[in-house]
Structure formats: C-alpha cells, structure tokens
C-alpha cells in the first residue's frame, strides 16, 4: 500500500454547490453598493441597461441570477423578475420579486414609467379626456381616441365599394 493520500472524489452535488458558490462570489465581486441598498452591477451591461453574466454556459441577466441564487424558493423560470427600486443594474435580492408580464406592466403604470399612460393626446392631436377616450381591455390594453374612431368609420363607410 502506498503512503500517498487518496484523492477524494467529489459528488455531483458537491460540484454543483461549488459552482453556485463560485458564481455568487463572481457576482458579488462586481457590485457597487449604494446608500439606498441597490447593488449595481459593474460588469457587462446590455443595451437595455441590465447587468449580464455567464452562468452554466449561457448569458444570464444579473437580477434573474440573483433571484435564482439568493431566493431560490421564489424564483420561477416562467416568471419575470421585477425591481422594487426600478434600477435595471440593481441585483440586490431584497429589491427583487417575481411577477407576470401583466404584473410588470401594472407596476410600470403605477410608478409612472409607462410612456403610453403619460400621453395626453392621440397622434392626431385630440386630447384624451374621459368623453373622448375608449379603453381597450381585450388583447393589448390601450386607449383610443373616439374622434379618430368615428373619422375612420366614416371614411370606411364612404369608400366602401370603391
């Protein structure tokens, strides 16, 4: 028998745990902590302003990865990861929550970040007032100008059969 120590073979679970600890370390080493608690990612930033890092041979948004690593019980691949702070580069798990696309849109509207909800006039210059606005709820939620709807209907009626 040899005096050399035997190599310990790691289990698959130990290897996965080591990978998680390594990516956590990489992620946390690329952050700036702001006074409001945001963890801003200092690595690669996408053109939409989100942090991005490679994990398991594919690019991950840092806020999704943070939720996956630090709040695994709340992470669901089918749901979006939303920010309470509205800072795209932030990946502080305390600032993140899961939600649907509809939840994301409602959050955007409630916080006044939705461009369409801030519009006061239609593309033809008619003011969006309660009397002049039809709200569509089927399909894509949107507002329509009633004056434009009537003009379109009148035009279609007059040109029918031409």
Protein backbone atom coordinates (compact mmCIF):
# COMPACT_ATOMS: atom_id res chain seq x y z
CA UNK A 1 0.00 0.00 0.00
CA UNK A 2 1.22 3.47 -0.93
CA UNK A 3 1.87 6.33 1.50
CA UNK A 4 0.25 8.78 -0.95
CA UNK A 5 -3.06 10.24 0.23
CA UNK A 6 -6.04 9.10 -1.78
CA UNK A 7 -7.81 11.70 -3.88
CA UNK A 8 -11.30 12.41 -2.65
CA UNK A 9 -13.79 12.21 -5.50
CA UNK A 10 -16.41 14.92 -5.27
CA UNK A 11 -20.05 14.05 -5.69
CA UNK A 12 -22.18 15.73 -8.35
CA UNK A 13 -23.96 17.67 -5.59
CA UNK A 14 -20.63 18.95 -4.19
CA UNK A 15 -19.57 20.06 -7.69
CA UNK A 16 -22.87 21.92 -8.21
CA UNK A 17 -22.57 23.59 -4.80
CA UNK A 18 -19.02 24.70 -5.65
CA UNK A 19 -20.29 26.19 -8.94
CA UNK A 20 -23.01 28.10 -7.08
CA UNK A 21 -20.51 29.46 -4.57
CA UNK A 22 -18.14 30.45 -7.40
CA UNK A 23 -20.83 32.34 -9.36
CA UNK A 24 -22.09 34.03 -6.16
CA UNK A 25 -18.54 35.18 -5.48
CA UNK A 26 -18.11 36.44 -9.07
CA UNK A 27 -21.43 38.27 -8.95
CA UNK A 28 -20.79 39.91 -5.57
CA UNK A 29 -17.26 40.97 -6.60
CA UNK A 30 -18.78 43.02 -9.45
CA UNK A 31 -21.04 45.30 -7.45
CA UNK A 32 -21.19 48.78 -6.02
CA UNK A 33 -23.50 49.12 -3.01
CA UNK A 34 -25.43 52.40 -2.94
CA UNK A 35 -26.78 54.08 0.19
CA UNK A 36 -30.34 53.09 -0.78
CA UNK A 37 -29.26 49.43 -0.76
CA UNK A 38 -29.05 48.89 -4.53
CA UNK A 39 -26.30 46.54 -5.70
CA UNK A 40 -25.23 47.96 -9.07
CA UNK A 41 -23.52 45.51 -11.41
CA UNK A 42 -20.16 46.80 -12.71
CA UNK A 43 -19.60 44.13 -15.35
CA UNK A 44 -21.21 43.81 -18.77
CA UNK A 45 -24.35 45.93 -19.24
CA UNK A 46 -26.81 45.18 -22.07
CA UNK A 47 -28.15 47.88 -24.37
CA UNK A 48 -31.35 47.82 -22.27
CA UNK A 49 -29.36 48.65 -19.13
CA UNK A 50 -29.40 45.24 -17.41
CA UNK A 51 -26.31 43.54 -15.99
CA UNK A 52 -25.31 40.31 -17.70
CA UNK A 53 -23.00 37.49 -16.64
CA UNK A 54 -22.27 33.97 -17.94
CA UNK A 55 -23.51 31.03 -15.88
CA UNK A 56 -23.93 27.39 -16.99
CA UNK A 57 -22.62 28.24 -20.46
CA UNK A 58 -25.25 30.89 -21.19
CA UNK A 59 -25.72 34.61 -20.51
CA UNK A 60 -27.97 35.48 -17.57
CA UNK A 61 -29.37 38.85 -16.54
CA UNK A 62 -27.84 39.57 -13.15
CA UNK A 63 -31.18 40.31 -11.48
CA UNK A 64 -32.56 36.92 -12.61
CA UNK A 65 -29.38 35.16 -11.48
CA UNK A 66 -29.52 36.93 -8.12
CA UNK A 67 -33.10 35.75 -7.58
CA UNK A 68 -32.08 32.21 -8.66
CA UNK A 69 -29.10 32.12 -6.27
CA UNK A 70 -30.35 34.08 -3.25
CA UNK A 71 -34.13 33.46 -3.34
CA UNK A 72 -34.47 30.04 -5.00
CA UNK A 73 -37.85 29.40 -3.35
CA UNK A 74 -39.29 32.49 -5.13
CA UNK A 75 -37.54 32.01 -8.48
CA UNK A 76 -39.60 30.55 -11.31
CA UNK A 77 -38.15 30.41 -14.81
CA UNK A 78 -41.56 31.13 -16.36
CA UNK A 79 -41.99 34.42 -14.44
CA UNK A 80 -40.28 37.77 -14.83
CA UNK A 81 -38.02 39.16 -12.11
CA UNK A 82 -39.17 42.69 -11.24
CA UNK A 83 -37.40 45.51 -9.38
CA UNK A 84 -38.95 47.41 -6.48
CA UNK A 85 -36.26 50.08 -7.00
CA UNK A 86 -36.70 50.33 -10.81
CA UNK A 87 -32.92 50.31 -11.35
CA UNK A 88 -32.06 47.90 -14.17
CA UNK A 89 -28.45 47.34 -12.98
CA UNK A 90 -29.58 46.50 -9.42
CA UNK A 91 -29.39 42.84 -8.42
CA UNK A 92 -29.96 43.13 -4.64
CA UNK A 93 -32.31 40.19 -3.89
CA UNK A 94 -34.18 42.35 -1.38
CA UNK A 95 -35.17 44.65 -4.28
CA UNK A 96 -36.45 41.81 -6.48
CA UNK A 97 -39.74 39.96 -6.77
CA UNK A 98 -41.33 37.56 -9.24
CA UNK A 99 -44.27 38.50 -11.42
CA UNK A 100 -46.02 38.05 -14.73
CA UNK A 101 -45.75 40.34 -17.73
CA UNK A 102 -49.07 41.86 -16.65
CA UNK A 103 -47.67 42.48 -13.13
CA UNK A 104 -44.67 44.20 -14.71
CA UNK A 105 -46.90 46.45 -16.85
CA UNK A 106 -49.14 47.36 -13.90
CA UNK A 107 -46.06 48.17 -11.80
CA UNK A 108 -44.74 50.33 -14.64
CA UNK A 109 -48.04 52.23 -14.92
CA UNK A 110 -48.41 52.66 -11.14
CA UNK A 111 -44.91 54.16 -10.92
CA UNK A 112 -45.49 56.47 -13.91
CA UNK A 113 -42.85 54.82 -16.10
CA UNK A 114 -45.23 53.82 -18.91
CA UNK A 115 -44.85 56.15 -21.89
CA UNK A 116 -48.36 55.48 -23.22
CA UNK A 117 -50.06 56.25 -19.92
CA UNK A 118 -48.32 59.66 -19.87
CA UNK A 119 -49.64 60.63 -23.30
CA UNK A 120 -52.24 63.40 -23.14
CA UNK A 121 -53.18 63.48 -26.84
CA UNK A 122 -53.67 60.98 -29.66
CA UNK A 123 -51.26 61.02 -32.66
CA UNK A 124 -53.72 63.38 -34.46
CA UNK A 125 -53.69 65.92 -31.62
CA UNK A 126 -57.05 65.15 -29.96
CA UNK A 127 -56.96 65.33 -26.18
CA UNK A 128 -57.52 62.14 -24.20
CA UNK A 129 -60.47 63.10 -21.99
CA UNK A 130 -62.94 60.72 -20.35
CA UNK A 131 -65.52 61.68 -23.01
CA UNK A 132 -63.07 61.22 -25.92
CA UNK A 133 -61.30 58.04 -24.81
CA UNK A 134 -62.16 54.40 -25.31
CA UNK A 135 -60.11 51.96 -23.24
CA UNK A 136 -59.44 48.63 -24.91
CA UNK A 137 -59.07 45.75 -22.48
CA UNK A 138 -59.01 42.80 -24.89
CA UNK A 139 -55.64 41.88 -26.33
CA UNK A 140 -53.28 44.76 -25.75
CA UNK A 141 -54.59 47.26 -23.21
CA UNK A 142 -54.65 50.65 -24.87
CA UNK A 143 -56.55 53.91 -25.23
CA UNK A 144 -58.17 55.07 -28.43
CA UNK A 145 -59.40 58.50 -29.44
CA UNK A 146 -63.16 58.40 -30.12
CA UNK A 147 -62.92 61.28 -32.65
CA UNK A 148 -60.38 59.25 -34.66
CA UNK A 149 -62.53 56.10 -34.39
CA UNK A 150 -65.54 57.98 -35.79
CA UNK A 151 -63.47 59.56 -38.60
CA UNK A 152 -62.08 56.14 -39.53
CA UNK A 153 -65.56 54.58 -39.50
CA UNK A 154 -66.96 57.43 -41.64
CA UNK A 155 -64.08 57.14 -44.12
CA UNK A 156 -64.55 53.37 -44.39
CA UNK A 157 -68.30 53.82 -44.94
CA UNK A 158 -67.81 56.47 -47.65
CA UNK A 159 -65.12 54.49 -49.50
CA UNK A 160 -66.90 51.12 -49.24
CA UNK A 161 -67.32 49.59 -52.66
CA UNK A 162 -64.88 51.91 -54.46
